[in-house]
Amino acid sequence: MEEEIRQALAVLKKGGIILYPTDTVWGIGCDATNAEAVARIFALKRRDDAKSMIVLLDRPEQVVRWVQEVPPAAWELWEAAEGAQPLTLILPEGRGLAGNLLPPERTVAIRLVQNDFCKRLIHKLGHPLVSTSANISGQPAPAAYGEISDRIREGVDYTVDPSMEEDSATHKASSIIRIDPDGGLTIVRTEGR
C-alpha cells in the first residue's frame, strides 16, 4: 500500500489526476485546491463545470478548514452514519478550494472517507481529494475497475493498482444530503442512486 500511496501522491502534488478506489466506487481525483487539475477532470468526464464534485477528507476535524461555518446538523449526521453507508453532505460556504470546484452558491460536497487507502493518501496530501465517479457524464458509474471505460483509463496520469480496492467498498454511490445555512435538510440522493 505504501508504494501506491507514494506514487499517487507524487502525481497529485504535480497537479495530475488519478484513478483510484474509494469507499464507494472507483473515482477520478485530484488535489481539490488545484483549479487546473479540476478543469482536467471536468474535461475528461465531459461534464458541465456548473455541476460540483465531491471532496473527500480523512478526518472530521479537517472539515472546519474547508467550510466557513459547519452547521451543527452536519456533525450529528456524520456521527449517525459512522460505520454505515458512506454519507456526503453538501455544506454552505466552502473556502480554500479551487474556485471551479465550487458552484455559484459556493456550497461544497464533503464525504469523510472510511477506507484506509484514501485516509492515508489524503492525510499525506494535506488537502481534500476530489472524488467523482470514473465514468463519462451521463453514463452509469462503474461498480468495479473492470467496468471503467478505456477513455477514462487513458485520460488519467496514474491508476492505483486495482488490488488496492478494499473489501469494505460499497460499489454504490454515497447518499447525499444538503444542509442549508438555516439547518434545513434536503435529501439529494439516496444510496446508490
Protein backbone atom coordinates (compact mmCIF):
# COMPACT_ATOMS: atom_id res chain seq x y z
CA MET A 1 0.00 0.00 0.00
CA GLU A 2 2.80 2.44 0.81
CA GLU A 3 4.21 2.32 -2.72
CA GLU A 4 0.78 3.01 -4.26
CA ILE A 5 0.26 5.94 -1.88
CA ARG A 6 3.73 7.29 -2.69
CA GLN A 7 3.16 7.14 -6.46
CA ALA A 8 -0.37 8.60 -6.32
CA LEU A 9 0.84 11.37 -4.02
CA ALA A 10 3.66 12.31 -6.39
CA VAL A 11 1.17 12.67 -9.26
CA LEU A 12 -1.29 14.70 -7.16
CA LYS A 13 1.42 17.08 -5.95
CA LYS A 14 2.43 17.76 -9.58
CA GLY A 15 -1.16 18.71 -10.45
CA GLY A 16 -2.03 15.37 -12.01
CA ILE A 17 -5.22 13.34 -11.88
CA ILE A 18 -5.58 9.77 -10.65
CA LEU A 19 -7.96 6.85 -10.97
CA TYR A 20 -8.39 5.27 -7.55
CA PRO A 21 -10.63 3.09 -5.36
CA THR A 22 -12.73 4.87 -2.75
CA ASP A 23 -15.03 3.56 -0.04
CA THR A 24 -17.86 3.65 -2.61
CA VAL A 25 -16.99 3.35 -6.33
CA TRP A 26 -13.82 3.92 -8.34
CA GLY A 27 -13.13 7.63 -8.61
CA ILE A 28 -11.22 10.17 -10.63
CA GLY A 29 -9.40 12.52 -8.30
CA CYS A 30 -7.02 15.41 -7.90
CA ASP A 31 -5.92 17.92 -5.29
CA ALA A 32 -9.12 19.87 -4.57
CA THR A 33 -7.15 23.12 -4.32
CA ASN A 34 -5.71 22.84 -7.85
CA ALA A 35 -8.01 24.55 -10.37
CA GLU A 36 -6.13 23.26 -13.44
CA ALA A 37 -6.41 19.65 -12.27
CA VAL A 38 -10.12 20.15 -11.50
CA ALA A 39 -10.63 21.55 -15.03
CA ARG A 40 -8.94 18.45 -16.49
CA ILE A 41 -11.39 16.20 -14.64
CA PHE A 42 -14.38 18.17 -15.94
CA ALA A 43 -12.98 17.85 -19.48
CA LEU A 44 -12.24 14.11 -19.13
CA LYS A 45 -15.74 13.39 -17.86
CA ARG A 46 -17.30 15.76 -20.44
CA ARG A 47 -19.14 17.26 -17.52
CA ASP A 48 -20.67 20.70 -17.22
CA ASP A 49 -18.44 22.62 -14.83
CA ALA A 50 -21.53 24.13 -13.21
CA LYS A 51 -22.00 20.73 -11.53
CA SER A 52 -19.87 20.39 -8.44
CA MET A 53 -17.86 17.34 -7.44
CA ILE A 54 -17.44 15.67 -4.08
CA VAL A 55 -14.33 16.22 -1.99
CA LEU A 56 -13.01 13.62 0.40
CA LEU A 57 -11.48 14.31 3.80
CA ASP A 58 -9.70 11.87 6.07
CA ARG A 59 -10.99 13.07 9.46
CA PRO A 60 -13.77 15.25 10.88
CA GLU A 61 -11.52 17.96 12.35
CA GLN A 62 -10.43 18.89 8.81
CA VAL A 63 -13.94 19.99 7.80
CA VAL A 64 -13.65 23.37 9.57
CA ARG A 65 -10.62 24.22 7.44
CA TRP A 66 -12.62 24.00 4.21
CA VAL A 67 -16.08 25.24 5.28
CA GLN A 68 -16.76 28.73 6.64
CA GLU A 69 -19.14 27.55 9.36
CA VAL A 70 -20.14 23.92 9.78
CA PRO A 71 -23.85 23.54 10.65
CA PRO A 72 -24.37 21.52 13.88
CA ALA A 73 -26.58 19.07 11.96
CA ALA A 74 -23.55 18.03 9.89
CA TRP A 75 -21.74 16.63 12.90
CA GLU A 76 -24.85 14.77 14.05
CA LEU A 77 -25.40 13.23 10.60
CA TRP A 78 -21.79 12.13 10.20
CA GLU A 79 -21.78 10.64 13.70
CA ALA A 80 -25.00 8.73 12.99
CA ALA A 81 -23.59 7.43 9.67
CA GLU A 82 -20.22 6.35 11.09
CA GLY A 83 -19.52 2.76 10.10
CA ALA A 84 -22.63 2.64 7.90
CA GLN A 85 -23.23 3.56 4.25
CA PRO A 86 -20.89 6.44 3.25
CA LEU A 87 -22.59 9.83 3.51
CA THR A 88 -21.83 13.01 1.58
CA LEU A 89 -23.04 16.31 2.98
CA ILE A 90 -23.43 19.47 0.90
CA LEU A 91 -22.46 22.32 3.20
CA PRO A 92 -22.72 26.09 2.73
CA GLU A 93 -19.73 28.36 2.15
CA GLY A 94 -16.81 26.26 1.00
CA ARG A 95 -13.46 28.01 1.26
CA GLY A 96 -9.83 27.45 0.28
CA LEU A 97 -10.76 25.09 -2.55
CA ALA A 98 -10.26 25.56 -6.30
CA GLY A 99 -12.77 28.18 -7.49
CA ASN A 100 -14.01 25.99 -10.34
CA LEU A 101 -14.83 23.21 -7.87
CA LEU A 102 -17.49 25.31 -6.14
CA PRO A 103 -20.84 26.09 -7.77
CA PRO A 104 -22.10 29.70 -7.86
CA GLU A 105 -23.77 29.31 -4.43
CA ARG A 106 -20.32 28.25 -3.04
CA THR A 107 -21.52 25.04 -1.44
CA VAL A 108 -19.14 22.11 -1.04
CA ALA A 109 -19.97 18.40 -1.00
CA ILE A 110 -17.83 16.61 1.59
CA ARG A 111 -17.52 12.93 2.46
CA LEU A 112 -15.43 11.65 5.33
CA VAL A 113 -13.83 8.54 3.86
CA GLN A 114 -13.94 5.25 5.66
CA ASN A 115 -11.29 3.24 3.80
CA ASP A 116 -7.66 3.10 4.85
CA PHE A 117 -6.10 3.80 1.43
CA CYS A 118 -7.99 7.08 0.93
CA LYS A 119 -7.48 8.20 4.52
CA ARG A 120 -3.74 7.74 4.29
CA LEU A 121 -3.47 9.36 0.85
CA ILE A 122 -5.48 12.42 1.90
CA HIS A 123 -3.54 12.76 5.16
CA LYS A 124 -0.21 12.77 3.28
CA LEU A 125 -1.54 15.17 0.63
CA GLY A 126 -2.70 17.61 3.30
CA HIS A 127 -5.61 18.78 1.11
CA PRO A 128 -9.04 17.41 0.24
CA LEU A 129 -9.14 14.96 -2.64
CA VAL A 130 -11.65 15.39 -5.46
CA SER A 131 -13.82 12.34 -5.96
CA THR A 132 -16.09 11.88 -8.92
CA SER A 133 -17.20 8.56 -10.36
CA ALA A 134 -14.91 7.11 -13.04
CA ASN A 135 -17.31 7.50 -15.95
CA ILE A 136 -18.23 9.88 -18.74
CA SER A 137 -21.02 12.18 -17.57
CA GLY A 138 -24.43 10.64 -18.18
CA GLN A 139 -23.15 7.05 -18.30
CA PRO A 140 -23.57 4.60 -15.39
CA ALA A 141 -20.97 4.76 -12.64
CA PRO A 142 -18.75 1.66 -12.82
CA ALA A 143 -19.15 -0.56 -9.76
CA ALA A 144 -15.77 -2.24 -10.34
CA TYR A 145 -12.48 -1.44 -12.03
CA GLY A 146 -13.25 -3.74 -14.98
CA GLU A 147 -16.25 -1.55 -15.90
CA ILE A 148 -14.22 1.64 -16.34
CA SER A 149 -14.00 2.80 -19.98
CA ASP A 150 -10.71 2.98 -21.85
CA ARG A 151 -11.27 6.72 -22.38
CA ILE A 152 -11.22 7.28 -18.62
CA ARG A 153 -8.28 4.90 -18.02
CA GLU A 154 -6.22 6.60 -20.73
CA GLY A 155 -7.16 10.12 -19.60
CA VAL A 156 -5.61 9.99 -16.12
CA ASP A 157 -1.97 10.39 -15.15
CA TYR A 158 -1.88 7.45 -12.74
CA THR A 159 -4.06 4.45 -11.95
CA VAL A 160 -3.85 2.94 -8.50
CA ASP A 161 -3.37 -0.83 -8.56
CA PRO A 162 -6.87 -2.38 -8.71
CA SER A 163 -5.86 -4.80 -5.95
CA MET A 164 -5.88 -1.81 -3.57
CA GLU A 165 -9.69 -1.82 -3.62
CA GLU A 166 -10.74 -2.70 -0.10
CA ASP A 167 -13.34 -5.32 0.75
CA SER A 168 -15.30 -2.60 2.54
CA ALA A 169 -16.03 -0.70 -0.72
CA THR A 170 -19.80 -0.49 -1.23
CA HIS A 171 -19.66 -0.36 -5.07
CA LYS A 172 -22.54 2.14 -4.82
CA ALA A 173 -22.56 5.92 -4.82
CA SER A 174 -22.91 7.57 -1.42
CA SER A 175 -26.10 9.10 -0.11
CA ILE A 176 -26.08 12.90 -0.37
CA ILE A 177 -27.86 15.35 1.96
CA ARG A 178 -27.82 19.13 1.56
CA ILE A 179 -27.73 21.21 4.74
CA ASP A 180 -28.93 24.77 4.31
CA PRO A 181 -27.48 27.66 6.35
CA ASP A 182 -30.70 27.68 8.42
CA GLY A 183 -30.26 23.97 9.23
CA GLY A 184 -32.86 22.66 6.79
CA LEU A 185 -32.11 19.27 5.25
CA THR A 186 -32.76 18.06 1.68
CA ILE A 187 -32.07 14.51 0.52
CA VAL A 188 -30.34 14.87 -2.86
CA ARG A 189 -29.51 11.22 -3.48
CA THR A 190 -30.18 8.02 -1.62
CA GLU A 191 -27.66 5.17 -1.52
CA GLY A 192 -26.50 4.11 -4.95
CA ARG A 193 -28.98 6.19 -6.97
